Amino acid sequence: MSAQIHAKVFSQRSVALIALSIATALPIVWASAANAVSLRVKLACSRDYYALCSKFASDSPETRQCMRAAGEKLSPRCINALVQAGEVTQAEVSHRAAQLR
């Protein structure tokens, strides 16, 4: 095999490996971005997080579960930020509040 052909085959394999690596990594990056909590929510809920759920990593699914379970204990500031971020609906907040009465 000539040097030019060998270089071309090597180059094609390299491009294929790079493309495969990118294709494999993108869903992981997208999933991380989808699970990220906005800075606004982090700031509004930081006291709630430290008081109720700090044993979990801040952007983990466990923290989301913990905060959801602690719903009635969350501060109004945190709840408002969660509603505005679309993490919870106002209807759900109202429904849970009505259940506590």
Protein backbone atom coordinates (compact mmCIF):
# COMPACT_ATOMS: atom_id res chain seq x y z
CA MET A 1 0.00 0.00 0.00
CA SER A 2 1.43 3.36 -0.94
CA ALA A 3 2.00 6.05 1.67
CA GLN A 4 -0.74 8.24 0.17
CA ILE A 5 -3.35 5.46 0.29
CA HIS A 6 -2.28 4.50 3.81
CA ALA A 7 -2.57 8.13 4.96
CA LYS A 8 -6.01 8.46 3.35
CA VAL A 9 -7.30 5.27 5.04
CA PHE A 10 -5.86 6.42 8.37
CA SER A 11 -7.48 9.83 7.92
CA GLN A 12 -10.87 8.30 7.12
CA ARG A 13 -10.66 6.08 10.19
CA SER A 14 -9.72 9.05 12.34
CA VAL A 15 -12.67 11.06 11.07
CA ALA A 16 -15.01 8.12 11.67
CA LEU A 17 -13.72 7.67 15.23
CA ILE A 18 -14.08 11.37 15.98
CA ALA A 19 -17.63 11.39 14.58
CA LEU A 20 -18.51 8.33 16.65
CA SER A 21 -17.07 9.94 19.77
CA ILE A 22 -19.08 13.11 19.24
CA ALA A 23 -22.27 11.17 18.50
CA THR A 24 -21.79 9.17 21.69
CA ALA A 25 -21.05 12.20 23.86
CA LEU A 26 -23.88 14.48 22.69
CA PRO A 27 -26.73 12.67 24.46
CA ILE A 28 -24.76 12.79 27.70
CA VAL A 29 -24.18 16.53 27.34
CA TRP A 30 -27.82 17.13 26.42
CA ALA A 31 -29.03 15.07 29.38
CA SER A 32 -26.79 17.06 31.71
CA ALA A 33 -28.09 20.33 30.33
CA ALA A 34 -31.67 19.13 30.61
CA ASN A 35 -31.18 18.27 34.26
CA ALA A 36 -29.39 21.48 35.13
CA VAL A 37 -31.08 23.80 37.58
CA SER A 38 -31.08 27.48 36.69
CA LEU A 39 -28.98 29.93 38.64
CA ARG A 40 -32.15 31.76 39.64
CA VAL A 41 -33.57 28.60 41.22
CA LYS A 42 -30.27 27.82 42.92
CA LEU A 43 -30.15 31.29 44.46
CA ALA A 44 -33.80 31.30 45.50
CA CYS A 45 -33.68 27.79 46.94
CA SER A 46 -30.20 27.69 48.44
CA ARG A 47 -31.40 27.93 52.06
CA ASP A 48 -34.03 25.29 51.43
CA TYR A 49 -31.48 23.03 49.78
CA TYR A 50 -28.99 23.33 52.66
CA ALA A 51 -31.68 22.86 55.29
CA LEU A 52 -33.46 19.94 53.64
CA CYS A 53 -31.48 18.22 50.90
CA SER A 54 -27.78 19.03 51.17
CA LYS A 55 -26.81 15.40 51.54
CA PHE A 56 -27.34 15.14 47.77
CA ALA A 57 -25.36 16.78 44.96
CA SER A 58 -27.11 20.00 43.96
CA ASP A 59 -28.00 19.00 40.38
CA SER A 60 -28.76 15.36 41.11
CA PRO A 61 -32.05 13.57 40.55
CA GLU A 62 -32.02 12.78 44.28
CA THR A 63 -32.07 16.49 45.09
CA ARG A 64 -35.07 16.99 42.83
CA GLN A 65 -36.85 14.13 44.60
CA CYS A 66 -35.89 15.50 48.01
CA MET A 67 -37.09 19.01 47.20
CA ARG A 68 -40.32 17.65 45.77
CA ALA A 69 -40.89 15.55 48.90
CA ALA A 70 -40.18 18.59 51.09
CA GLY A 71 -42.66 20.68 49.09
CA GLU A 72 -44.65 22.15 51.96
CA LYS A 73 -41.45 23.03 53.83
CA LEU A 74 -40.01 25.06 50.94
CA SER A 75 -39.90 28.83 51.24
CA PRO A 76 -42.28 30.93 49.13
CA ARG A 77 -39.25 32.42 47.37
CA CYS A 78 -38.06 28.96 46.35
CA ILE A 79 -41.53 27.83 45.28
CA ASN A 80 -41.98 30.92 43.11
CA ALA A 81 -38.62 30.36 41.43
CA LEU A 82 -39.48 26.71 40.80
CA VAL A 83 -42.81 27.69 39.25
CA GLN A 84 -41.17 30.33 37.04
CA ALA A 85 -38.53 27.83 35.93
CA GLY A 86 -41.19 25.27 35.03
CA GLU A 87 -39.94 22.77 37.60
CA VAL A 88 -43.43 22.66 39.13
CA THR A 89 -46.76 24.12 38.05
CA GLN A 90 -48.76 26.67 39.99
CA ALA A 91 -51.67 24.22 39.86
CA GLU A 92 -49.56 21.59 41.61
CA VAL A 93 -48.49 24.09 44.27
CA SER A 94 -52.09 25.14 44.84
CA HIS A 95 -53.27 21.54 44.96
CA ARG A 96 -50.64 20.56 47.53
CA ALA A 97 -51.40 23.65 49.61
CA ALA A 98 -55.11 22.78 49.60
CA GLN A 99 -54.31 19.27 50.82
CA LEU A 100 -52.54 20.72 53.85
CA ARG A 101 -55.53 22.78 54.95
